[in-house]
Amino acid sequence: MSHLNQHHLIHSGVKNFKCDECGKQFAQKHNLTKHILTHSGVKNFKCDECGKQFAQKHGLTQHSLIHSEVKNFMCDECGKQFTRKSDLTQHLFIHSEVKNFKCDECGKRFAQKHNLTHHLVIHSEVKNFKCDVCGKQFALKRKLTRHLLNHSGVKNFECDECGKRFARKNELSDHLLIHLGVKNFKCDECGKRFARKNTLTNHLLIHSGVKNFKCDECGKQFARKVNLTRHILSHSGVKNFKCDNCGKWFGVKSHLIRHILNYCRGKSF
């Protein structure tokens, strides 16, 4: 078959070559042959930049673009730019209202099957990615990568409204909702509203009655680990938060805020 005729198969929609391993189909046999390598576990093509390995050379070639600062593919919907056209194509699904892939565990829907596949790992108890700094474990490598930013101390994203800095841009975006007064997430239990979904999720633990985090010092129990961590400071004697109005010191920032709201708001001493 001539090269032209082989090329025409791509546009015909006919895919007669099927992978026995995963069921994916191809219009051309040589594409199936290349694809089968992805199931073999053999990865002979290594990225000199980050060490990641690939089964096919074109996979390495496409990956290498990630390390380039050139981003020629821009989303007309939101302006986000990408180094690869395939990444832009995948991104465009985000703006689509069509989400045909549903998680049977929690009901969350996705526009792409691979996003659902990644999401399902969250419901698994398997957490193979561990933070060497604090020991926290994650089901997804990208979650660990994001988490590591918290330990780096680097916070390049600053809020123009209050000056607070963040390690990640999405954290800044979520924070800005607080200043806007936008609170789209409501607790069905008590009616309290929140600017961020994860804040609502954490709040719901209060209503669950489950308190798995216990203070070894006094026996007090908490629904969230972060609350236990803050509480432990009260036993340390360390007080790093000072009220500028009256000079009183507090071990926990939330106690200082509560103090100002209840006793020292608008007062001068």
C-alpha atoms as a PDB file:
ATOM      1  CA  MET A   1       0.000   0.000   0.000  1.00  0.00           C
ATOM      2  CA  SER A   2       1.363   3.438  -0.952  1.00  0.00           C
ATOM      3  CA  HIS A   3       2.175   6.018   1.705  1.00  0.00           C
ATOM      4  CA  LEU A   4      -0.679   8.184   0.415  1.00  0.00           C
ATOM      5  CA  ASN A   5      -3.191   5.382   0.764  1.00  0.00           C
ATOM      6  CA  GLN A   6      -1.911   4.616   4.252  1.00  0.00           C
ATOM      7  CA  HIS A   7      -2.347   8.259   5.155  1.00  0.00           C
ATOM      8  CA  HIS A   8      -5.932   8.257   3.835  1.00  0.00           C
ATOM      9  CA  LEU A   9      -6.760   5.565   6.404  1.00  0.00           C
ATOM     10  CA  ILE A  10      -6.239   8.118   9.162  1.00  0.00           C
ATOM     11  CA  HIS A  11      -9.099  10.231   7.814  1.00  0.00           C
ATOM     12  CA  SER A  12     -11.353   7.272   7.000  1.00  0.00           C
ATOM     13  CA  GLY A  13     -12.084   6.446  10.628  1.00  0.00           C
ATOM     14  CA  VAL A  14     -11.399   2.774   9.906  1.00  0.00           C
ATOM     15  CA  LYS A  15      -9.282   1.196  12.629  1.00  0.00           C
ATOM     16  CA  ASN A  16      -8.647  -2.477  11.926  1.00  0.00           C
ATOM     17  CA  PHE A  17      -5.663  -2.990  14.230  1.00  0.00           C
ATOM     18  CA  LYS A  18      -6.589  -3.604  17.846  1.00  0.00           C
ATOM     19  CA  CYS A  19      -4.389  -3.911  20.918  1.00  0.00           C
ATOM     20  CA  ASP A  20      -5.144  -7.159  22.757  1.00  0.00           C
ATOM     21  CA  GLU A  21      -3.863  -5.628  25.988  1.00  0.00           C
ATOM     22  CA  CYS A  22      -6.108  -2.570  26.327  1.00  0.00           C
ATOM     23  CA  GLY A  23      -8.473  -2.642  23.335  1.00  0.00           C
ATOM     24  CA  LYS A  24      -7.221   0.588  21.748  1.00  0.00           C
ATOM     25  CA  GLN A  25      -7.570   0.529  17.947  1.00  0.00           C
ATOM     26  CA  PHE A  26      -5.390   1.938  15.180  1.00  0.00           C
ATOM     27  CA  ALA A  27      -5.747   2.659  11.477  1.00  0.00           C
ATOM     28  CA  GLN A  28      -2.204   1.545  10.726  1.00  0.00           C
ATOM     29  CA  LYS A  29      -0.333  -1.569  11.865  1.00  0.00           C
ATOM     30  CA  HIS A  30       2.928   0.240  12.594  1.00  0.00           C
ATOM     31  CA  ASN A  31       1.106   2.493  15.058  1.00  0.00           C
ATOM     32  CA  LEU A  32      -0.200  -0.585  16.858  1.00  0.00           C
ATOM     33  CA  THR A  33       3.326  -2.015  16.925  1.00  0.00           C
ATOM     34  CA  LYS A  34       4.646   1.182  18.524  1.00  0.00           C
ATOM     35  CA  HIS A  35       1.747   1.267  20.968  1.00  0.00           C
ATOM     36  CA  ILE A  36       2.407  -2.275  22.184  1.00  0.00           C
ATOM     37  CA  LEU A  37       5.766  -1.074  23.511  1.00  0.00           C
ATOM     38  CA  THR A  38       3.929   0.967  26.128  1.00  0.00           C
ATOM     39  CA  HIS A  39       2.695  -2.281  27.693  1.00  0.00           C
ATOM     40  CA  SER A  40       6.102  -3.987  27.598  1.00  0.00           C
ATOM     41  CA  GLY A  41       7.614  -1.933  30.377  1.00  0.00           C
ATOM     42  CA  VAL A  42      10.703  -1.302  28.224  1.00  0.00           C
ATOM     43  CA  LYS A  43      11.617   2.388  28.206  1.00  0.00           C
ATOM     44  CA  ASN A  44      14.805   3.069  26.278  1.00  0.00           C
ATOM     45  CA  PHE A  45      14.357   6.789  25.733  1.00  0.00           C
ATOM     46  CA  LYS A  46      15.386   8.967  28.684  1.00  0.00           C
ATOM     47  CA  CYS A  47      14.913  12.686  29.233  1.00  0.00           C
ATOM     48  CA  ASP A  48      18.266  14.322  30.039  1.00  0.00           C
ATOM     49  CA  GLU A  49      16.460  17.123  31.828  1.00  0.00           C
ATOM     50  CA  CYS A  50      14.463  15.213  34.453  1.00  0.00           C
ATOM     51  CA  GLY A  51      15.309  11.537  33.958  1.00  0.00           C
ATOM     52  CA  LYS A  52      11.818  10.417  32.938  1.00  0.00           C
ATOM     53  CA  GLN A  53      11.868   7.471  30.536  1.00  0.00           C
ATOM     54  CA  PHE A  54       9.681   6.599  27.576  1.00  0.00           C
ATOM     55  CA  ALA A  55       8.933   3.546  25.485  1.00  0.00           C
ATOM     56  CA  GLN A  56       8.842   5.523  22.240  1.00  0.00           C
ATOM     57  CA  LYS A  57      11.104   8.242  20.889  1.00  0.00           C
ATOM     58  CA  HIS A  58       8.204  10.498  19.918  1.00  0.00           C
ATOM     59  CA  GLY A  59       6.977  10.282  23.505  1.00  0.00           C
ATOM     60  CA  LEU A  60      10.327  11.684  24.649  1.00  0.00           C
ATOM     61  CA  THR A  61      10.197  14.334  21.915  1.00  0.00           C
ATOM     62  CA  GLN A  62       6.740  15.479  23.030  1.00  0.00           C
ATOM     63  CA  HIS A  63       7.779  15.407  26.692  1.00  0.00           C
ATOM     64  CA  SER A  64      10.884  17.548  26.006  1.00  0.00           C
ATOM     65  CA  LEU A  65       8.597  20.430  25.054  1.00  0.00           C
ATOM     66  CA  ILE A  66       7.483  20.639  28.688  1.00  0.00           C
ATOM     67  CA  HIS A  67      10.958  21.828  29.656  1.00  0.00           C
ATOM     68  CA  SER A  68      10.847  24.481  26.958  1.00  0.00           C
ATOM     69  CA  GLU A  69       9.501  27.935  27.807  1.00  0.00           C
ATOM     70  CA  VAL A  70       7.907  28.182  24.372  1.00  0.00           C
ATOM     71  CA  LYS A  71       4.122  27.890  24.585  1.00  0.00           C
ATOM     72  CA  ASN A  72       2.598  28.339  21.143  1.00  0.00           C
ATOM     73  CA  PHE A  73      -0.835  26.856  21.835  1.00  0.00           C
ATOM     74  CA  MET A  74      -3.273  29.163  23.605  1.00  0.00           C
ATOM     75  CA  CYS A  75      -6.782  28.489  24.827  1.00  0.00           C
ATOM     76  CA  ASP A  76      -9.214  31.017  23.317  1.00  0.00           C
ATOM     77  CA  GLU A  77     -11.532  30.496  26.256  1.00  0.00           C
ATOM     78  CA  CYS A  78      -9.265  31.426  29.194  1.00  0.00           C
ATOM     79  CA  GLY A  79      -5.929  32.429  27.693  1.00  0.00           C
ATOM     80  CA  LYS A  80      -3.906  29.595  29.237  1.00  0.00           C
ATOM     81  CA  GLN A  81      -0.955  28.560  27.065  1.00  0.00           C
ATOM     82  CA  PHE A  82       0.562  25.156  26.380  1.00  0.00           C
ATOM     83  CA  THR A  83       3.748  23.776  24.873  1.00  0.00           C
ATOM     84  CA  ARG A  84       1.909  20.944  23.124  1.00  0.00           C
ATOM     85  CA  LYS A  85      -1.239  20.938  21.017  1.00  0.00           C
ATOM     86  CA  SER A  86      -2.352  17.676  22.643  1.00  0.00           C
ATOM     87  CA  ASP A  87      -2.289  19.395  26.062  1.00  0.00           C
ATOM     88  CA  LEU A  88      -4.436  22.222  24.723  1.00  0.00           C
ATOM     89  CA  THR A  89      -6.891  19.695  23.261  1.00  0.00           C
ATOM     90  CA  GLN A  90      -7.205  17.955  26.634  1.00  0.00           C
ATOM     91  CA  HIS A  91      -7.547  21.297  28.419  1.00  0.00           C
ATOM     92  CA  LEU A  92     -10.463  22.365  26.209  1.00  0.00           C
ATOM     93  CA  PHE A  93     -12.589  19.621  27.774  1.00  0.00           C
ATOM     94  CA  ILE A  94     -12.519  21.639  31.002  1.00  0.00           C
ATOM     95  CA  HIS A  95     -14.590  24.352  29.358  1.00  0.00           C
ATOM     96  CA  SER A  96     -17.051  21.841  27.958  1.00  0.00           C
ATOM     97  CA  GLU A  97     -20.191  21.211  29.985  1.00  0.00           C
ATOM     98  CA  VAL A  98     -20.240  17.627  28.770  1.00  0.00           C
ATOM     99  CA  LYS A  99     -18.979  15.332  31.517  1.00  0.00           C
ATOM    100  CA  ASN A 100     -19.817  11.760  30.611  1.00  0.00           C
ATOM    101  CA  PHE A 101     -17.500   9.987  33.038  1.00  0.00           C
ATOM    102  CA  LYS A 102     -18.921   9.650  36.551  1.00  0.00           C
ATOM    103  CA  CYS A 103     -17.264   8.355  39.706  1.00  0.00           C
ATOM    104  CA  ASP A 104     -19.478   5.671  41.245  1.00  0.00           C
ATOM    105  CA  GLU A 105     -17.880   6.348  44.629  1.00  0.00           C
ATOM    106  CA  CYS A 106     -18.666  10.045  45.107  1.00  0.00           C
ATOM    107  CA  GLY A 107     -20.658  11.109  42.048  1.00  0.00           C
ATOM    108  CA  LYS A 108     -18.084  13.596  40.731  1.00  0.00           C
ATOM    109  CA  ARG A 109     -18.141  13.839  36.944  1.00  0.00           C
ATOM    110  CA  PHE A 110     -15.335  14.305  34.437  1.00  0.00           C
ATOM    111  CA  ALA A 111     -15.039  15.313  30.799  1.00  0.00           C
ATOM    112  CA  GLN A 112     -12.273  12.799  30.129  1.00  0.00           C
ATOM    113  CA  LYS A 113     -11.903   9.159  31.084  1.00  0.00           C
ATOM    114  CA  HIS A 114      -8.266   9.500  32.123  1.00  0.00           C
ATOM    115  CA  ASN A 115      -9.254  12.201  34.621  1.00  0.00           C
ATOM    116  CA  LEU A 116     -11.763   9.810  36.163  1.00  0.00           C
ATOM    117  CA  THR A 117      -9.094   7.101  36.279  1.00  0.00           C
ATOM    118  CA  HIS A 118      -6.713   9.425  38.139  1.00  0.00           C
ATOM    119  CA  HIS A 119      -9.518  10.506  40.468  1.00  0.00           C
ATOM    120  CA  LEU A 120     -10.399   6.924  41.435  1.00  0.00           C
ATOM    121  CA  VAL A 121      -6.994   6.556  43.062  1.00  0.00           C
ATOM    122  CA  ILE A 122      -8.157   9.057  45.715  1.00  0.00           C
ATOM    123  CA  HIS A 123     -10.768   6.573  46.936  1.00  0.00           C
ATOM    124  CA  SER A 124      -8.159   3.822  47.143  1.00  0.00           C
ATOM    125  CA  GLU A 125      -6.347   3.281  50.445  1.00  0.00           C
ATOM    126  CA  VAL A 126      -3.119   2.808  48.508  1.00  0.00           C
ATOM    127  CA  LYS A 127      -0.815   5.800  48.988  1.00  0.00           C
ATOM    128  CA  ASN A 128       2.549   5.079  47.426  1.00  0.00           C
ATOM    129  CA  PHE A 129       3.922   8.617  47.357  1.00  0.00           C
ATOM    130  CA  LYS A 130       5.409   9.736  50.671  1.00  0.00           C
ATOM    131  CA  CYS A 131       6.766  13.128  51.673  1.00  0.00           C
ATOM    132  CA  ASP A 132      10.315  12.730  52.983  1.00  0.00           C
ATOM    133  CA  VAL A 133       9.945  15.908  55.035  1.00  0.00           C
ATOM    134  CA  CYS A 134       6.808  15.223  57.113  1.00  0.00           C
ATOM    135  CA  GLY A 135       5.845  11.657  56.227  1.00  0.00           C
ATOM    136  CA  LYS A 136       2.456  12.512  54.735  1.00  0.00           C
ATOM    137  CA  GLN A 137       1.428  10.070  52.032  1.00  0.00           C
ATOM    138  CA  PHE A 138      -0.454  10.609  48.794  1.00  0.00           C
ATOM    139  CA  ALA A 139      -2.254   8.460  46.273  1.00  0.00           C
ATOM    140  CA  LEU A 140      -1.120  10.616  43.351  1.00  0.00           C
ATOM    141  CA  LYS A 141       2.414  11.787  42.545  1.00  0.00           C
ATOM    142  CA  ARG A 142       1.173  15.226  41.446  1.00  0.00           C
ATOM    143  CA  LYS A 143      -0.429  15.670  44.868  1.00  0.00           C
ATOM    144  CA  LEU A 144       2.944  15.005  46.496  1.00  0.00           C
ATOM    145  CA  THR A 145       4.647  17.424  44.104  1.00  0.00           C
ATOM    146  CA  ARG A 146       2.180  20.164  45.046  1.00  0.00           C
ATOM    147  CA  HIS A 147       2.540  19.350  48.736  1.00  0.00           C
ATOM    148  CA  LEU A 148       6.339  19.703  48.601  1.00  0.00           C
ATOM    149  CA  LEU A 149       5.897  23.378  47.749  1.00  0.00           C
ATOM    150  CA  ASN A 150       4.623  23.864  51.303  1.00  0.00           C
ATOM    151  CA  HIS A 151       8.001  22.783  52.657  1.00  0.00           C
ATOM    152  CA  SER A 152      10.084  24.777  50.159  1.00  0.00           C
ATOM    153  CA  GLY A 153       9.329  28.119  51.819  1.00  0.00           C
ATOM    154  CA  VAL A 154       9.008  29.678  48.367  1.00  0.00           C
ATOM    155  CA  LYS A 155       5.846  31.751  48.057  1.00  0.00           C
ATOM    156  CA  ASN A 156       5.825  33.653  44.787  1.00  0.00           C
ATOM    157  CA  PHE A 157       2.123  34.499  44.664  1.00  0.00           C
ATOM    158  CA  GLU A 158       1.105  37.541  46.713  1.00  0.00           C
ATOM    159  CA  CYS A 159      -2.373  38.855  47.431  1.00  0.00           C
ATOM    160  CA  ASP A 160      -2.591  42.524  46.427  1.00  0.00           C
ATOM    161  CA  GLU A 161      -5.386  42.988  48.932  1.00  0.00           C
ATOM    162  CA  CYS A 162      -3.702  41.877  52.181  1.00  0.00           C
ATOM    163  CA  GLY A 163      -0.137  40.918  51.286  1.00  0.00           C
ATOM    164  CA  LYS A 164      -0.482  37.242  52.196  1.00  0.00           C
ATOM    165  CA  ARG A 165       1.755  35.039  50.070  1.00  0.00           C
ATOM    166  CA  PHE A 166       1.168  31.574  48.649  1.00  0.00           C
ATOM    167  CA  ALA A 167       3.285  28.784  47.187  1.00  0.00           C
ATOM    168  CA  ARG A 168       0.733  27.987  44.478  1.00  0.00           C
ATOM    169  CA  LYS A 169      -1.305  30.185  42.153  1.00  0.00           C
ATOM    170  CA  ASN A 170      -4.513  28.211  42.752  1.00  0.00           C
ATOM    171  CA  GLU A 171      -4.160  28.883  46.504  1.00  0.00           C
ATOM    172  CA  LEU A 172      -4.012  32.609  45.786  1.00  0.00           C
ATOM    173  CA  SER A 173      -7.060  32.344  43.511  1.00  0.00           C
ATOM    174  CA  ASP A 174      -9.013  30.563  46.259  1.00  0.00           C
ATOM    175  CA  HIS A 175      -7.854  33.126  48.830  1.00  0.00           C
ATOM    176  CA  LEU A 176      -9.069  36.048  46.711  1.00  0.00           C
ATOM    177  CA  LEU A 177     -12.630  34.753  47.044  1.00  0.00           C
ATOM    178  CA  ILE A 178     -12.443  35.641  50.740  1.00  0.00           C
ATOM    179  CA  HIS A 179     -11.915  39.321  49.902  1.00  0.00           C
ATOM    180  CA  LEU A 180     -14.674  39.248  47.312  1.00  0.00           C
ATOM    181  CA  GLY A 181     -17.122  37.898  49.854  1.00  0.00           C
ATOM    182  CA  VAL A 182     -18.087  35.080  47.484  1.00  0.00           C
ATOM    183  CA  LYS A 183     -19.254  32.055  49.472  1.00  0.00           C
ATOM    184  CA  ASN A 184     -20.801  29.502  47.150  1.00  0.00           C
ATOM    185  CA  PHE A 185     -20.397  26.447  49.350  1.00  0.00           C
ATOM    186  CA  LYS A 186     -23.082  25.989  51.990  1.00  0.00           C
ATOM    187  CA  CYS A 187     -23.241  23.507  54.851  1.00  0.00           C
ATOM    188  CA  ASP A 188     -26.609  21.730  54.740  1.00  0.00           C
ATOM    189  CA  GLU A 189     -26.263  20.940  58.429  1.00  0.00           C
ATOM    190  CA  CYS A 190     -25.956  24.446  59.904  1.00  0.00           C
ATOM    191  CA  GLY A 191     -26.232  26.836  56.960  1.00  0.00           C
ATOM    192  CA  LYS A 192     -22.735  28.271  57.325  1.00  0.00           C
ATOM    193  CA  ARG A 193     -21.240  29.299  53.998  1.00  0.00           C
ATOM    194  CA  PHE A 194     -17.672  29.062  52.728  1.00  0.00           C
ATOM    195  CA  ALA A 195     -15.618  30.518  49.900  1.00  0.00           C
ATOM    196  CA  ARG A 196     -13.814  27.247  49.217  1.00  0.00           C
ATOM    197  CA  LYS A 197     -15.086  23.696  48.830  1.00  0.00           C
ATOM    198  CA  ASN A 198     -12.229  22.175  50.826  1.00  0.00           C
ATOM    199  CA  THR A 199     -13.058  24.490  53.729  1.00  0.00           C
ATOM    200  CA  LEU A 200     -16.636  23.204  53.669  1.00  0.00           C
ATOM    201  CA  THR A 201     -15.356  19.617  53.525  1.00  0.00           C
ATOM    202  CA  ASN A 202     -13.196  20.222  56.596  1.00  0.00           C
ATOM    203  CA  HIS A 203     -16.096  21.965  58.355  1.00  0.00           C
ATOM    204  CA  LEU A 204     -18.384  18.956  57.833  1.00  0.00           C
ATOM    205  CA  LEU A 205     -16.114  16.914  60.080  1.00  0.00           C
ATOM    206  CA  ILE A 206     -17.378  19.007  62.990  1.00  0.00           C
ATOM    207  CA  HIS A 207     -20.906  17.679  62.447  1.00  0.00           C
ATOM    208  CA  SER A 208     -19.756  14.087  62.016  1.00  0.00           C
ATOM    209  CA  GLY A 209     -18.920  13.710  65.695  1.00  0.00           C
ATOM    210  CA  VAL A 210     -15.851  11.679  64.748  1.00  0.00           C
ATOM    211  CA  LYS A 211     -12.737  12.861  66.586  1.00  0.00           C
ATOM    212  CA  ASN A 212      -9.790  10.664  65.741  1.00  0.00           C
ATOM    213  CA  PHE A 213      -7.024  13.046  66.807  1.00  0.00           C
ATOM    214  CA  LYS A 214      -6.245  13.007  70.525  1.00  0.00           C
ATOM    215  CA  CYS A 215      -3.906  15.206  72.542  1.00  0.00           C
ATOM    216  CA  ASP A 216      -1.463  13.054  74.539  1.00  0.00           C
ATOM    217  CA  GLU A 217      -1.030  15.897  77.007  1.00  0.00           C
ATOM    218  CA  CYS A 218      -4.609  16.459  78.147  1.00  0.00           C
ATOM    219  CA  GLY A 219      -6.736  13.905  76.278  1.00  0.00           C
ATOM    220  CA  LYS A 220      -8.761  16.457  74.319  1.00  0.00           C
ATOM    221  CA  GLN A 221      -9.894  15.099  70.955  1.00  0.00           C
ATOM    222  CA  PHE A 222     -10.309  16.784  67.596  1.00  0.00           C
ATOM    223  CA  ALA A 223     -11.981  16.045  64.274  1.00  0.00           C
ATOM    224  CA  ARG A 224      -9.025  17.373  62.288  1.00  0.00           C
ATOM    225  CA  LYS A 225      -5.289  16.887  62.683  1.00  0.00           C
ATOM    226  CA  VAL A 226      -4.634  20.578  62.018  1.00  0.00           C
ATOM    227  CA  ASN A 227      -6.751  21.488  65.050  1.00  0.00           C
ATOM    228  CA  LEU A 228      -4.787  19.082  67.237  1.00  0.00           C
ATOM    229  CA  THR A 229      -1.517  20.569  65.962  1.00  0.00           C
ATOM    230  CA  ARG A 230      -2.707  24.070  66.875  1.00  0.00           C
ATOM    231  CA  HIS A 231      -3.940  22.876  70.262  1.00  0.00           C
ATOM    232  CA  ILE A 232      -0.584  21.322  71.136  1.00  0.00           C
ATOM    233  CA  LEU A 233       0.945  24.807  70.960  1.00  0.00           C
ATOM    234  CA  SER A 234      -1.145  25.768  73.995  1.00  0.00           C
ATOM    235  CA  HIS A 235       0.868  23.260  76.038  1.00  0.00           C
ATOM    236  CA  SER A 236       4.234  24.440  74.715  1.00  0.00           C
ATOM    237  CA  GLY A 237       4.116  27.853  76.360  1.00  0.00           C
ATOM    238  CA  VAL A 238       5.245  29.463  73.106  1.00  0.00           C
ATOM    239  CA  LYS A 239       3.231  32.573  72.277  1.00  0.00           C
ATOM    240  CA  ASN A 240       4.174  34.159  68.969  1.00  0.00           C
ATOM    241  CA  PHE A 241       1.003  36.156  68.291  1.00  0.00           C
ATOM    242  CA  LYS A 242       0.670  39.565  69.940  1.00  0.00           C
ATOM    243  CA  CYS A 243      -2.352  41.864  70.105  1.00  0.00           C
ATOM    244  CA  ASP A 244      -1.228  45.306  68.927  1.00  0.00           C
ATOM    245  CA  ASN A 245      -4.027  46.934  70.900  1.00  0.00           C
ATOM    246  CA  CYS A 246      -3.389  45.634  74.422  1.00  0.00           C
ATOM    247  CA  GLY A 247      -0.086  43.749  74.166  1.00  0.00           C
ATOM    248  CA  LYS A 248      -1.471  40.352  75.166  1.00  0.00           C
ATOM    249  CA  TRP A 249       0.280  37.343  73.619  1.00  0.00           C
ATOM    250  CA  PHE A 250      -1.286  34.150  72.233  1.00  0.00           C
ATOM    251  CA  GLY A 251       0.061  30.736  71.250  1.00  0.00           C
ATOM    252  CA  VAL A 252      -2.441  30.260  68.438  1.00  0.00           C
ATOM    253  CA  LYS A 253      -3.303  32.843  65.779  1.00  0.00           C
ATOM    254  CA  SER A 254      -7.016  31.974  65.867  1.00  0.00           C
ATOM    255  CA  HIS A 255      -7.062  32.830  69.592  1.00  0.00           C
ATOM    256  CA  LEU A 256      -5.584  36.242  68.815  1.00  0.00           C
ATOM    257  CA  ILE A 257      -8.212  36.865  66.140  1.00  0.00           C
ATOM    258  CA  ARG A 258     -11.005  35.796  68.512  1.00  0.00           C
ATOM    259  CA  HIS A 259      -9.571  38.072  71.194  1.00  0.00           C
ATOM    260  CA  ILE A 260      -9.485  41.081  68.865  1.00  0.00           C
ATOM    261  CA  LEU A 261     -13.031  40.493  67.645  1.00  0.00           C
ATOM    262  CA  ASN A 262     -14.470  40.045  71.153  1.00  0.00           C
ATOM    263  CA  TYR A 263     -12.449  42.436  73.267  1.00  0.00           C
ATOM    264  CA  CYS A 264     -10.070  44.735  71.426  1.00  0.00           C
ATOM    265  CA  ARG A 265     -11.749  45.701  68.184  1.00  0.00           C
ATOM    266  CA  GLY A 266     -11.489  49.459  67.746  1.00  0.00           C
ATOM    267  CA  LYS A 267      -9.958  49.928  71.192  1.00  0.00           C
ATOM    268  CA  SER A 268      -6.728  51.709  71.959  1.00  0.00           C
ATOM    269  CA  PHE A 269      -4.808  51.331  75.183  1.00  0.00           C
END
